Amino acid sequence: MATPAAETITLAATSIVNINMFNVTKLTASNYIMWSRQVHAILHGYGLDKHLDAFTTVPDKEITVNDVTSPNPAFEAWTRQDRLIYSALVGALSISVQSTVSRANTAADVWNTLALTYAHENSNSSNSAQNEAHSRINSETGPIENSAQSGNNENTTSSSTSASSTASENEPAANPNQHSMATRSKSGIIKPNKKYSLAVSLANSDLEPRTVNQALKDDRWRNSMSDEFMLKSRIIHGISYLHHHQTPISSAPGRDYYETFSPVIKSSTIRLVLGIAIKRDWPIRQLDVNNAFLQGTLTEDVYMSQPPGYVDKDRPQHVCHLKKALYGLKQAPRAWYLELKTYLLSVGFINSIADTSLFILKQGSSFVYMLIYVDDILVTGNDPTLLQSTLTSLATRFSVKDHEELSYFLGIEAKRVPTGLHLTQRRYILDLLARHNMLAASPVATPMATSPKLTLHSGSKLPDPTEYRQVVGSLQYLAFTRPDISYAVNRLSQFMHSPTVDHWQAVKRVLRYLAGTPTHGIFLSRTNTETLHAFSDSDWAGDSDDYLSTNGYVVYLGNQPISWSSKKQKGVARSSTEAEYRAVANTSSELTWIRNLLTELGVQVPQTPVIYCDNVGATYLCANPVFHSRMKHIALAYHFIRSQIQSGDLRVAHISTKDQLADALTKPLSRATFQFLMSKIGVSKTPPS
């Protein structure tokens, strides 16, 4: 019968292995060497240390047999195993170290990033301790060992002295191992194995440096820094400013700058424009601006000390007077936005009123839409020639990367197929699960349990709320493609100031739900219609802490969701009719904004928008021209809706509660109800590529 260890190794060779690193001391800034040896030993024992090597050949994604191409099971197994190792590695890091590997995508990326960041410091301290130990041993062993050591050191350098001293202490050659295993030393192989050599891995690594000193050791980074430094600053005589601006960037609001806000494109605008482009089969191009913040012109006088490695030897006491913005300046994002906006307006673009980060170019019957999110840009239009000339003109004015077909934008994976466009955040979800060691968690069918209800004081207070806030903050970004978790994220966000253990368990349930649905997202169909309708609902007094109601809505362009929200109302509603009526007013406001945006885009809605509400009283109140005295306290919302209905711009219709799609955005639902509504809302699984 095989031993347990042998069974584990056999299992690792044939199936996915869940790595256990619970006994590994978490990595800090000072224990990298011991940590890396311990982790490598565990993975080596499982036969999985090849996942730490950036040079290991990964199986092909697809295989072809008899002219038929299909997904490669070996690639899928490798990827799944790598994600488990990735999760285990991140789980073995302290919170202060986890941010170091936030950009790593594979286990090898994590391993090499940590080595690049911590190996040098730890090895220096380790070498110092080792040399000290060697000196102490040499002083205690007497003349025999010393004479032997001196004999070994003839015709060698000082570095070989240290190596032979270590060999003398350990004396492996005098007592060779007697086991039958073939080793490199028994076979006479002395060439270093790059798998275990950090120096080789780091020398060939393309990982970004973490400190200035690391960047200055790389010729490519030095050249890039030189180009940017020479273009963006000039040296002037400024002794009076030297001590005040000794810190590389030191500025105060109201004195050195006033405006810092930089508008970004709204998620609803992105979904709406993409939906229009897909229906009309327009090309969609994405591009990224190189060093966008460095291209913004400063209107204030900003001084800074000379950067390390670029101090003028003739004038070391001078400072830099910046003409262009710099990363780290508070006003840099706004300076870049104004620079880009000024250029676009000068070439004929019109800045949208509904969304200030949307720019529209009209030339006759031709349209070009440009969506700006800081330095990431989407461009689409109905005229390929005008689109190409716009992209060429933009590349002439700014330093931009080559534009390409939309595939990965703002952490969103876009997969265009003949029938439409799939939008998912699979990679973002997997990274989030890996960072919090939830990649191998058991999936659940719903993001939030129906009972017991979460309250402000349920459970004991968390000793450290940092991780809770990090996860909930990360979940908010998932709202771009996941309306199914909108209510859960909104509810959990209400406890950010004082989370408890029960709240943390609810967060982990959301992560478990995402672990089972990482490839889910929304689908924009080519056969979609351009009609507007919305579902509006409210959970009257659903919060037992303050008895505020939660309203939710989903707005559709045809059959695809383009805008949704789950949010608590600001005041207590005295009846369910009042709560539903307020929800209809909020939905009507969103519909009005979307109609204005469509008008700017040149899209005409063929029919009057409809809001579906499952409350009879609220529906009748919208259509009743008589103002009831019992509703005087919501007169503003009343007049807002009534004016739209009377002008023919809006219609409110009643719908059965079981058909109310917005119900999933107002409260937790049972498994059967939630899964039924999720498919109706528009959340679906993306087919494998």
Foldseek 3Di string as FASTA:
>chain_A
DDDPLVVLLVCLVPAADQQDDPVQAADDLACVVVRVVVLCVRCVSNVNLVQQAPPDDADDQWDADPNDIDGDVSNVRVVLNFLSLLLVNLVSHDPVCNVQCLPPQTNNSVNLSCCLRRVVVNVVVVVVVVVVVLVVCVVPPDDVLVVVLVVVCPPHDPVVSVVVSVCSVVVCVVPPDDDPDDDCVVVVHDDDDVSPDSVVRNVPDPDDHDDPVSLVVDPVSVVVVVVLVVVWWDWDADLVCCVVAVDQFDDDDPPQDDDQDAFAFDLLVVLVVQLVCFLVVWFKKKWFFPPLLQPFFDPGWGKHQADPPGQDPVCNSIIITGGGGDPPDSNSLVSSRVVVVVVLVVVAWDQAPLGRQWTWHDDPPKIKIWGGGRGMIMIIIDDPVVRVVVVVVVVVVGPMDDMDGDAADPQWGWDADPFFIWTANLSLLSSLCSNVSNLPPAADLALADQPDDDALPPAAWDPDLVVVVVLLVSVVVRVSFCPLCQQVSQVLVVNSVIDHPVSVVSSSNNSRNCSVASQKGFTNGNPFAQAKEKFKAKDQLPHPVQRWIWIKMFMDRGQTTSDIHIGTDDDHDPDRLRRRLVRVLVVVVVVVSVCSVCVVVVHDHPAAYEYEYADPSNLVLLVDPDDDPVCPVVVVSNVSSNVCVVVRNYHYDYDHPLPRLRVSRGHTDDSVSSVVSSVSSGIDGDDDD
